[in-house]
Structures are given as structure tokens and as C-alpha cells.
Amino acid sequence: MNEPFVAPHRRTVSVTSSERGLFEFTNGAVRVQSSRDGDQGVRAVDLLLASLAMCVAGTVRAYAEHHGVDGLARVTVDVTRSEER
């Protein structure tokens, strides 16, 4: 029997640039300010690194829960970016 179609969950993030190099983005729940050089809020690359770390930490936690690992109180993931100048 065919299951009814369920629309995929959608998430919208809006970004506004009001000044050169300054950005604000929101997902409807939170607002974050960002700048290219990081002097006013977080840099876009920091958000990218945080997203990667959150994905890895979430995967580790989901794996542990699925396989019945008890006592996993905390998962910490450090992501480092090297930049040549």
C-alpha cells in the first residue's frame, strides 16, 4: 500500500546586508549579526565551522543512542580552519 505524501520540512534563513561587510541573518527564532572580518559579530566562516561541528556531534549522539550507549553526557567537537596569508 502506498503511504500518503508528506511534504518535506522547510527551513528558511533570511540574510540582510545593510552596510558594506555587515550582515544579519535570522531563521525566525534567532537573529545573528555577522561581518566579513569578524569585528562586528561572527564571521561567515565561523558559522560554517559551527554547522559542521554540530552535524558531527549530532551524528555521534544519534549513533550512540541507536546502539544503546549509556552514559554519554557530552559530545564536544572542535573544528579548526587554517588560513594561508
PDB file of N, CA and C in Angstrom:
ATOM      1  N   MET A   1       0.841  -1.170   0.000  1.00  0.00           N
ATOM      2  CA  MET A   1       0.000   0.000   0.000  1.00  0.00           C
ATOM      3  C   MET A   1       0.889   1.238   0.000  1.00  0.00           C
ATOM      4  N   ASN A   2       0.504   2.228  -0.771  1.00  0.00           N
ATOM      5  CA  ASN A   2       1.271   3.472  -0.842  1.00  0.00           C
ATOM      6  C   ASN A   2       0.992   4.345   0.357  1.00  0.00           C
ATOM      7  N   GLU A   3       2.063   4.875   0.918  1.00  0.00           N
ATOM      8  CA  GLU A   3       1.934   5.801   2.031  1.00  0.00           C
ATOM      9  C   GLU A   3       1.561   7.177   1.486  1.00  0.00           C
ATOM     10  N   PRO A   4       0.813   7.964   2.235  1.00  0.00           N
ATOM     11  CA  PRO A   4       0.464   9.308   1.753  1.00  0.00           C
ATOM     12  C   PRO A   4       1.708  10.179   1.662  1.00  0.00           C
ATOM     13  N   PHE A   5       1.707  11.084   0.704  1.00  0.00           N
ATOM     14  CA  PHE A   5       2.827  12.006   0.524  1.00  0.00           C
ATOM     15  C   PHE A   5       2.889  12.967   1.700  1.00  0.00           C
ATOM     16  N   VAL A   6       4.077  13.117   2.247  1.00  0.00           N
ATOM     17  CA  VAL A   6       4.306  14.080   3.324  1.00  0.00           C
ATOM     18  C   VAL A   6       5.312  15.097   2.799  1.00  0.00           C
ATOM     19  N   ALA A   7       4.926  16.338   2.822  1.00  0.00           N
ATOM     20  CA  ALA A   7       5.808  17.394   2.331  1.00  0.00           C
ATOM     21  C   ALA A   7       7.060  17.472   3.194  1.00  0.00           C
ATOM     22  N   PRO A   8       8.218  17.711   2.583  1.00  0.00           N
ATOM     23  CA  PRO A   8       9.451  17.832   3.366  1.00  0.00           C
ATOM     24  C   PRO A   8       9.405  19.062   4.266  1.00  0.00           C
ATOM     25  N   HIS A   9      10.087  18.954   5.395  1.00  0.00           N
ATOM     26  CA  HIS A   9      10.182  20.083   6.315  1.00  0.00           C
ATOM     27  C   HIS A   9      11.017  21.177   5.649  1.00  0.00           C
ATOM     28  N   ARG A  10      10.547  22.392   5.689  1.00  0.00           N
ATOM     29  CA  ARG A  10      11.272  23.505   5.085  1.00  0.00           C
ATOM     30  C   ARG A  10      11.796  24.433   6.160  1.00  0.00           C
ATOM     31  N   ARG A  11      12.962  24.957   5.930  1.00  0.00           N
ATOM     32  CA  ARG A  11      13.569  25.921   6.836  1.00  0.00           C
ATOM     33  C   ARG A  11      14.043  27.080   5.979  1.00  0.00           C
ATOM     34  N   THR A  12      13.686  28.280   6.362  1.00  0.00           N
ATOM     35  CA  THR A  12      14.107  29.466   5.629  1.00  0.00           C
ATOM     36  C   THR A  12      15.006  30.301   6.513  1.00  0.00           C
ATOM     37  N   VAL A  13      16.121  30.715   5.959  1.00  0.00           N
ATOM     38  CA  VAL A  13      17.035  31.634   6.626  1.00  0.00           C
ATOM     39  C   VAL A  13      17.112  32.877   5.753  1.00  0.00           C
ATOM     40  N   SER A  14      16.886  34.026   6.359  1.00  0.00           N
ATOM     41  CA  SER A  14      16.934  35.294   5.627  1.00  0.00           C
ATOM     42  C   SER A  14      18.180  36.062   6.024  1.00  0.00           C
ATOM     43  N   VAL A  15      18.859  36.624   5.024  1.00  0.00           N
ATOM     44  CA  VAL A  15      20.077  37.397   5.249  1.00  0.00           C
ATOM     45  C   VAL A  15      19.872  38.802   4.700  1.00  0.00           C
ATOM     46  N   THR A  16      20.267  39.791   5.498  1.00  0.00           N
ATOM     47  CA  THR A  16      20.173  41.187   5.083  1.00  0.00           C
ATOM     48  C   THR A  16      21.544  41.820   5.231  1.00  0.00           C
ATOM     49  N   SER A  17      21.962  42.558   4.228  1.00  0.00           N
ATOM     50  CA  SER A  17      23.195  43.328   4.301  1.00  0.00           C
ATOM     51  C   SER A  17      22.821  44.794   4.212  1.00  0.00           C
ATOM     52  N   SER A  18      22.981  45.513   5.323  1.00  0.00           N
ATOM     53  CA  SER A  18      22.593  46.919   5.346  1.00  0.00           C
ATOM     54  C   SER A  18      23.781  47.855   5.172  1.00  0.00           C
ATOM     55  N   GLU A  19      24.948  47.365   5.452  1.00  0.00           N
ATOM     56  CA  GLU A  19      26.174  48.148   5.273  1.00  0.00           C
ATOM     57  C   GLU A  19      27.211  47.238   4.622  1.00  0.00           C
ATOM     58  N   ARG A  20      28.216  47.834   4.073  1.00  0.00           N
ATOM     59  CA  ARG A  20      29.250  47.051   3.413  1.00  0.00           C
ATOM     60  C   ARG A  20      29.961  46.130   4.410  1.00  0.00           C
ATOM     61  N   GLY A  21      29.864  44.832   4.175  1.00  0.00           N
ATOM     62  CA  GLY A  21      30.544  43.861   5.011  1.00  0.00           C
ATOM     63  C   GLY A  21      29.810  43.452   6.267  1.00  0.00           C
ATOM     64  N   LEU A  22      28.620  44.041   6.539  1.00  0.00           N
ATOM     65  CA  LEU A  22      27.842  43.687   7.717  1.00  0.00           C
ATOM     66  C   LEU A  22      26.580  42.945   7.294  1.00  0.00           C
ATOM     67  N   PHE A  23      26.260  41.903   8.024  1.00  0.00           N
ATOM     68  CA  PHE A  23      25.115  41.076   7.683  1.00  0.00           C
ATOM     69  C   PHE A  23      24.328  40.737   8.943  1.00  0.00           C
ATOM     70  N   GLU A  24      23.055  40.503   8.751  1.00  0.00           N
ATOM     71  CA  GLU A  24      22.213  39.982   9.821  1.00  0.00           C
ATOM     72  C   GLU A  24      21.402  38.858   9.218  1.00  0.00           C
ATOM     73  N   PHE A  25      21.356  37.740   9.915  1.00  0.00           N
ATOM     74  CA  PHE A  25      20.504  36.674   9.411  1.00  0.00           C
ATOM     75  C   PHE A  25      19.611  36.170  10.514  1.00  0.00           C
ATOM     76  N   THR A  26      18.483  35.632  10.098  1.00  0.00           N
ATOM     77  CA  THR A  26      17.513  35.102  11.047  1.00  0.00           C
ATOM     78  C   THR A  26      16.867  33.856  10.466  1.00  0.00           C
ATOM     79  N   ASN A  27      16.508  32.960  11.353  1.00  0.00           N
ATOM     80  CA  ASN A  27      15.726  31.786  10.954  1.00  0.00           C
ATOM     81  C   ASN A  27      14.317  31.890  11.525  1.00  0.00           C
ATOM     82  N   GLY A  28      13.970  33.059  12.009  1.00  0.00           N
ATOM     83  CA  GLY A  28      12.661  33.275  12.600  1.00  0.00           C
ATOM     84  C   GLY A  28      12.669  33.128  14.110  1.00  0.00           C
ATOM     85  N   ALA A  29      13.626  32.397  14.640  1.00  0.00           N
ATOM     86  CA  ALA A  29      13.722  32.191  16.083  1.00  0.00           C
ATOM     87  C   ALA A  29      14.843  33.028  16.702  1.00  0.00           C
ATOM     88  N   VAL A  30      15.935  33.181  15.983  1.00  0.00           N
ATOM     89  CA  VAL A  30      17.077  33.948  16.479  1.00  0.00           C
ATOM     90  C   VAL A  30      17.600  34.862  15.381  1.00  0.00           C
ATOM     91  N   ARG A  31      18.287  35.913  15.817  1.00  0.00           N
ATOM     92  CA  ARG A  31      18.958  36.833  14.897  1.00  0.00           C
ATOM     93  C   ARG A  31      20.440  36.823  15.227  1.00  0.00           C
ATOM     94  N   VAL A  32      21.261  36.783  14.205  1.00  0.00           N
ATOM     95  CA  VAL A  32      22.713  36.781  14.406  1.00  0.00           C
ATOM     96  C   VAL A  32      23.324  37.836  13.501  1.00  0.00           C
ATOM     97  N   GLN A  33      24.241  38.601  14.060  1.00  0.00           N
ATOM     98  CA  GLN A  33      24.969  39.577  13.254  1.00  0.00           C
ATOM     99  C   GLN A  33      26.310  38.995  12.861  1.00  0.00           C
ATOM    100  N   SER A  34      26.705  39.315  11.659  1.00  0.00           N
ATOM    101  CA  SER A  34      27.941  38.773  11.116  1.00  0.00           C
ATOM    102  C   SER A  34      28.652  39.866  10.327  1.00  0.00           C
ATOM    103  N   SER A  35      29.964  39.730  10.233  1.00  0.00           N
ATOM    104  CA  SER A  35      30.735  40.641   9.395  1.00  0.00           C
ATOM    105  C   SER A  35      31.840  39.860   8.717  1.00  0.00           C
ATOM    106  N   ARG A  36      32.286  40.372   7.606  1.00  0.00           N
ATOM    107  CA  ARG A  36      33.338  39.667   6.858  1.00  0.00           C
ATOM    108  C   ARG A  36      34.612  39.510   7.662  1.00  0.00           C
ATOM    109  N   ASP A  37      34.982  40.538   8.399  1.00  0.00           N
ATOM    110  CA  ASP A  37      36.251  40.468   9.129  1.00  0.00           C
ATOM    111  C   ASP A  37      36.101  40.071  10.593  1.00  0.00           C
ATOM    112  N   GLY A  38      34.876  39.873  11.073  1.00  0.00           N
ATOM    113  CA  GLY A  38      34.659  39.387  12.428  1.00  0.00           C
ATOM    114  C   GLY A  38      34.712  40.426  13.510  1.00  0.00           C
ATOM    115  N   ASP A  39      34.872  41.705  13.141  1.00  0.00           N
ATOM    116  CA  ASP A  39      34.944  42.724  14.182  1.00  0.00           C
ATOM    117  C   ASP A  39      33.570  43.117  14.723  1.00  0.00           C
ATOM    118  N   GLN A  40      32.502  42.750  14.025  1.00  0.00           N
ATOM    119  CA  GLN A  40      31.138  43.029  14.496  1.00  0.00           C
ATOM    120  C   GLN A  40      30.312  41.762  14.328  1.00  0.00           C
ATOM    121  N   GLY A  41      30.335  40.918  15.324  1.00  0.00           N
ATOM    122  CA  GLY A  41      29.618  39.648  15.232  1.00  0.00           C
ATOM    123  C   GLY A  41      30.518  38.543  14.701  1.00  0.00           C
ATOM    124  N   VAL A  42      29.932  37.417  14.423  1.00  0.00           N
ATOM    125  CA  VAL A  42      30.705  36.269  13.964  1.00  0.00           C
ATOM    126  C   VAL A  42      30.959  36.360  12.465  1.00  0.00           C
ATOM    127  N   ARG A  43      32.030  35.724  12.013  1.00  0.00           N
ATOM    128  CA  ARG A  43      32.318  35.669  10.583  1.00  0.00           C
ATOM    129  C   ARG A  43      31.549  34.516   9.965  1.00  0.00           C
ATOM    130  N   ALA A  44      31.256  34.636   8.698  1.00  0.00           N
ATOM    131  CA  ALA A  44      30.513  33.595   7.990  1.00  0.00           C
ATOM    132  C   ALA A  44      31.234  32.253   8.077  1.00  0.00           C
ATOM    133  N   VAL A  45      32.546  32.259   8.004  1.00  0.00           N
ATOM    134  CA  VAL A  45      33.288  31.003   8.080  1.00  0.00           C
ATOM    135  C   VAL A  45      33.138  30.357   9.454  1.00  0.00           C
ATOM    136  N   ASP A  46      32.980  31.156  10.509  1.00  0.00           N
ATOM    137  CA  ASP A  46      32.744  30.606  11.843  1.00  0.00           C
ATOM    138  C   ASP A  46      31.399  29.886  11.906  1.00  0.00           C
ATOM    139  N   LEU A  47      30.404  30.453  11.235  1.00  0.00           N
ATOM    140  CA  LEU A  47      29.093  29.805  11.181  1.00  0.00           C
ATOM    141  C   LEU A  47      29.172  28.491  10.410  1.00  0.00           C
ATOM    142  N   LEU A  48      29.953  28.473   9.352  1.00  0.00           N
ATOM    143  CA  LEU A  48      30.141  27.244   8.587  1.00  0.00           C
ATOM    144  C   LEU A  48      30.820  26.174   9.432  1.00  0.00           C
ATOM    145  N   LEU A  49      31.870  26.549  10.152  1.00  0.00           N
ATOM    146  CA  LEU A  49      32.573  25.594  11.010  1.00  0.00           C
ATOM    147  C   LEU A  49      31.661  25.092  12.127  1.00  0.00           C
ATOM    148  N   ALA A  50      30.865  25.988  12.707  1.00  0.00           N
ATOM    149  CA  ALA A  50      29.931  25.579  13.763  1.00  0.00           C
ATOM    150  C   ALA A  50      28.897  24.600  13.210  1.00  0.00           C
ATOM    151  N   SER A  51      28.425  24.834  12.000  1.00  0.00           N
ATOM    152  CA  SER A  51      27.454  23.924  11.380  1.00  0.00           C
ATOM    153  C   SER A  51      28.059  22.538  11.184  1.00  0.00           C
ATOM    154  N   LEU A  52      29.284  22.488  10.736  1.00  0.00           N
ATOM    155  CA  LEU A  52      29.967  21.208  10.553  1.00  0.00           C
ATOM    156  C   LEU A  52      30.132  20.488  11.889  1.00  0.00           C
ATOM    157  N   ALA A  53      30.564  21.204  12.909  1.00  0.00           N
ATOM    158  CA  ALA A  53      30.758  20.601  14.231  1.00  0.00           C
ATOM    159  C   ALA A  53      29.433  20.099  14.806  1.00  0.00           C
ATOM    160  N   MET A  54      28.350  20.871  14.620  1.00  0.00           N
ATOM    161  CA  MET A  54      27.039  20.446  15.124  1.00  0.00           C
ATOM    162  C   MET A  54      26.569  19.187  14.415  1.00  0.00           C
ATOM    163  N   CYS A  55      26.837  19.091  13.122  1.00  0.00           N
ATOM    164  CA  CYS A  55      26.444  17.909  12.359  1.00  0.00           C
ATOM    165  C   CYS A  55      27.186  16.666  12.864  1.00  0.00           C
ATOM    166  N   VAL A  56      28.487  16.801  13.087  1.00  0.00           N
ATOM    167  CA  VAL A  56      29.283  15.667  13.572  1.00  0.00           C
ATOM    168  C   VAL A  56      28.833  15.269  14.983  1.00  0.00           C
ATOM    169  N   ALA A  57      28.648  16.238  15.865  1.00  0.00           N
ATOM    170  CA  ALA A  57      28.223  15.940  17.239  1.00  0.00           C
ATOM    171  C   ALA A  57      26.849  15.275  17.250  1.00  0.00           C
ATOM    172  N   GLY A  58      25.940  15.759  16.422  1.00  0.00           N
ATOM    173  CA  GLY A  58      24.611  15.163  16.343  1.00  0.00           C
ATOM    174  C   GLY A  58      24.644  13.745  15.819  1.00  0.00           C
ATOM    175  N   THR A  59      25.512  13.493  14.851  1.00  0.00           N
ATOM    176  CA  THR A  59      25.652  12.146  14.299  1.00  0.00           C
ATOM    177  C   THR A  59      26.214  11.183  15.347  1.00  0.00           C
ATOM    178  N   VAL A  60      27.215  11.632  16.096  1.00  0.00           N
ATOM    179  CA  VAL A  60      27.792  10.793  17.157  1.00  0.00           C
ATOM    180  C   VAL A  60      26.733  10.469  18.205  1.00  0.00           C
ATOM    181  N   ARG A  61      25.970  11.480  18.614  1.00  0.00           N
ATOM    182  CA  ARG A  61      24.938  11.257  19.629  1.00  0.00           C
ATOM    183  C   ARG A  61      23.853  10.320  19.104  1.00  0.00           C
ATOM    184  N   ALA A  62      23.399  10.509  17.874  1.00  0.00           N
ATOM    185  CA  ALA A  62      22.365   9.647  17.297  1.00  0.00           C
ATOM    186  C   ALA A  62      22.869   8.205  17.192  1.00  0.00           C
ATOM    187  N   TYR A  63      24.128   8.027  16.794  1.00  0.00           N
ATOM    188  CA  TYR A  63      24.717   6.689  16.698  1.00  0.00           C
ATOM    189  C   TYR A  63      24.745   6.024  18.072  1.00  0.00           C
ATOM    190  N   ALA A  64      25.196   6.781  19.078  1.00  0.00           N
ATOM    191  CA  ALA A  64      25.284   6.234  20.433  1.00  0.00           C
ATOM    192  C   ALA A  64      23.902   5.839  20.953  1.00  0.00           C
ATOM    193  N   GLU A  65      22.918   6.686  20.741  1.00  0.00           N
ATOM    194  CA  GLU A  65      21.558   6.370  21.200  1.00  0.00           C
ATOM    195  C   GLU A  65      20.999   5.164  20.466  1.00  0.00           C
ATOM    196  N   HIS A  66      21.229   5.086  19.180  1.00  0.00           N
ATOM    197  CA  HIS A  66      20.718   3.970  18.381  1.00  0.00           C
ATOM    198  C   HIS A  66      21.321   2.635  18.826  1.00  0.00           C
ATOM    199  N   HIS A  67      22.590   2.682  19.249  1.00  0.00           N
ATOM    200  CA  HIS A  67      23.283   1.455  19.646  1.00  0.00           C
ATOM    201  C   HIS A  67      23.280   1.238  21.157  1.00  0.00           C
ATOM    202  N   GLY A  68      22.457   1.997  21.887  1.00  0.00           N
ATOM    203  CA  GLY A  68      22.281   1.766  23.316  1.00  0.00           C
ATOM    204  C   GLY A  68      23.466   2.128  24.184  1.00  0.00           C
ATOM    205  N   VAL A  69      24.285   3.072  23.739  1.00  0.00           N
ATOM    206  CA  VAL A  69      25.421   3.505  24.549  1.00  0.00           C
ATOM    207  C   VAL A  69      24.893   4.355  25.704  1.00  0.00           C
ATOM    208  N   ASP A  70      25.160   3.911  26.926  1.00  0.00           N
ATOM    209  CA  ASP A  70      24.714   4.635  28.109  1.00  0.00           C
ATOM    210  C   ASP A  70      25.829   5.539  28.630  1.00  0.00           C
ATOM    211  N   GLY A  71      25.451   6.613  29.274  1.00  0.00           N
ATOM    212  CA  GLY A  71      26.421   7.459  29.949  1.00  0.00           C
ATOM    213  C   GLY A  71      27.106   8.490  29.071  1.00  0.00           C
ATOM    214  N   LEU A  72      26.620   8.702  27.862  1.00  0.00           N
ATOM    215  CA  LEU A  72      27.215   9.723  27.004  1.00  0.00           C
ATOM    216  C   LEU A  72      26.620  11.072  27.403  1.00  0.00           C
ATOM    217  N   ALA A  73      27.313  11.767  28.297  1.00  0.00           N
ATOM    218  CA  ALA A  73      26.786  13.018  28.829  1.00  0.00           C
ATOM    219  C   ALA A  73      27.040  14.198  27.904  1.00  0.00           C
ATOM    220  N   ARG A  74      28.157  14.167  27.211  1.00  0.00           N
ATOM    221  CA  ARG A  74      28.534  15.320  26.402  1.00  0.00           C
ATOM    222  C   ARG A  74      29.342  14.876  25.195  1.00  0.00           C
ATOM    223  N   VAL A  75      29.095  15.526  24.080  1.00  0.00           N
ATOM    224  CA  VAL A  75      29.901  15.336  22.875  1.00  0.00           C
ATOM    225  C   VAL A  75      30.466  16.697  22.509  1.00  0.00           C
ATOM    226  N   THR A  76      31.769  16.794  22.397  1.00  0.00           N
ATOM    227  CA  THR A  76      32.421  18.050  22.029  1.00  0.00           C
ATOM    228  C   THR A  76      33.190  17.822  20.735  1.00  0.00           C
ATOM    229  N   VAL A  77      32.982  18.696  19.780  1.00  0.00           N
ATOM    230  CA  VAL A  77      33.687  18.614  18.501  1.00  0.00           C
ATOM    231  C   VAL A  77      34.378  19.947  18.271  1.00  0.00           C
ATOM    232  N   ASP A  78      35.674  19.913  18.042  1.00  0.00           N
ATOM    233  CA  ASP A  78      36.442  21.109  17.708  1.00  0.00           C
ATOM    234  C   ASP A  78      36.762  21.062  16.221  1.00  0.00           C
ATOM    235  N   VAL A  79      36.482  22.141  15.517  1.00  0.00           N
ATOM    236  CA  VAL A  79      36.805  22.257  14.093  1.00  0.00           C
ATOM    237  C   VAL A  79      37.722  23.456  13.944  1.00  0.00           C
ATOM    238  N   THR A  80      38.853  23.245  13.326  1.00  0.00           N
ATOM    239  CA  THR A  80      39.860  24.311  13.163  1.00  0.00           C
ATOM    240  C   THR A  80      40.072  24.586  11.686  1.00  0.00           C
ATOM    241  N   ARG A  81      40.137  25.833  11.345  1.00  0.00           N
ATOM    242  CA  ARG A  81      40.390  26.243   9.972  1.00  0.00           C
ATOM    243  C   ARG A  81      41.745  26.923   9.928  1.00  0.00           C
ATOM    244  N   SER A  82      42.584  26.480   9.013  1.00  0.00           N
ATOM    245  CA  SER A  82      43.879  27.132   8.807  1.00  0.00           C
ATOM    246  C   SER A  82      43.753  28.058   7.605  1.00  0.00           C
ATOM    247  N   GLU A  83      44.364  29.199   7.717  1.00  0.00           N
ATOM    248  CA  GLU A  83      44.277  30.193   6.643  1.00  0.00           C
ATOM    249  C   GLU A  83      45.669  30.634   6.248  1.00  0.00           C
ATOM    250  N   GLU A  84      45.960  30.476   4.968  1.00  0.00           N
ATOM    251  CA  GLU A  84      47.246  30.959   4.469  1.00  0.00           C
ATOM    252  C   GLU A  84      47.123  32.432   4.158  1.00  0.00           C
ATOM    253  N   ARG A  85      48.112  33.176   4.545  1.00  0.00           N
ATOM    254  CA  ARG A  85      48.086  34.624   4.277  1.00  0.00           C
ATOM    255  C   ARG A  85      49.312  35.035   3.530  1.00  0.00           C
TER     256      ARG A  85
END
